[in-house]
Amino acid sequence: MSDAPHPPVSVCRLLPNIPDGTRGLAFDDSIKQLMRWQMTGSAEDHPTAVRAEWRDREGERKADFPTGRPTGPVLSRRLTKALGEETLVRAGTLMPLCINGVEQNEHRLYVVSQVVDCLNVELSSEPDSLTGRIKKSVFRPEAVPADLPAFRIPQYPMAVHWNGWAADILARELGEELEVRLIWSEDPGLTPHPDPWGF
């Protein structure tokens, strides 16, 4: 068995940095069904369709990572290819979106179903009573599902957490069009973002 050191485990939040001339995506109220399912975990609450609209003028380039909603990341075909669909579906499903009234697969909603209890609650902040956000998260390295690209935690089930290696792949693909906020790392030399779930 190899004793080669593994890279430090890290957990991130991803946000778009959409440049001028590029369109972002806005969900309508149908996203609330996804949030309900994330809270309850009930099969009856699992969303069957989510609708969205492109922002700004028609004809402009569409962002590859077009929304910053932590509930439901949206990935373009390009990003799905970069991470690998087989890799992505280990943590959830890629759902077609109904965008501007038309169901399509160029951009898909990443519905992360893997919920893993890996937070060190004693060292982490209490979840906000209104939003559920956790300002300071500390994870148990041995419990983080480092083989998955993304996961959710029971203490904040409405937020998708990305493993650092997956965030790195997307960052290499998108460059300045993606903001990677470090939530936590087992590397003590890295400083987490002071408010990773803020806007």
Foldseek 3Di string as FASTA:
>chain_A
DDPDDDPWKFKWAKFFDDDPQEWAKAWDPLVVLLVVCLQPVDPVSHRPATEIEIDDDPPTHYDQFRGRQQQKTKGFPVLCVLCDVVQLPVFADWAFHQYPNRTDDRITIRRGDAEFAFWPVVPWAQQDPPQLDTQATDGNRVRPPLSHQWHAYNSHRSGIMGIPVSVVSVCVVPPPRMDIFTRDIPPPVDDGDRGRPDD
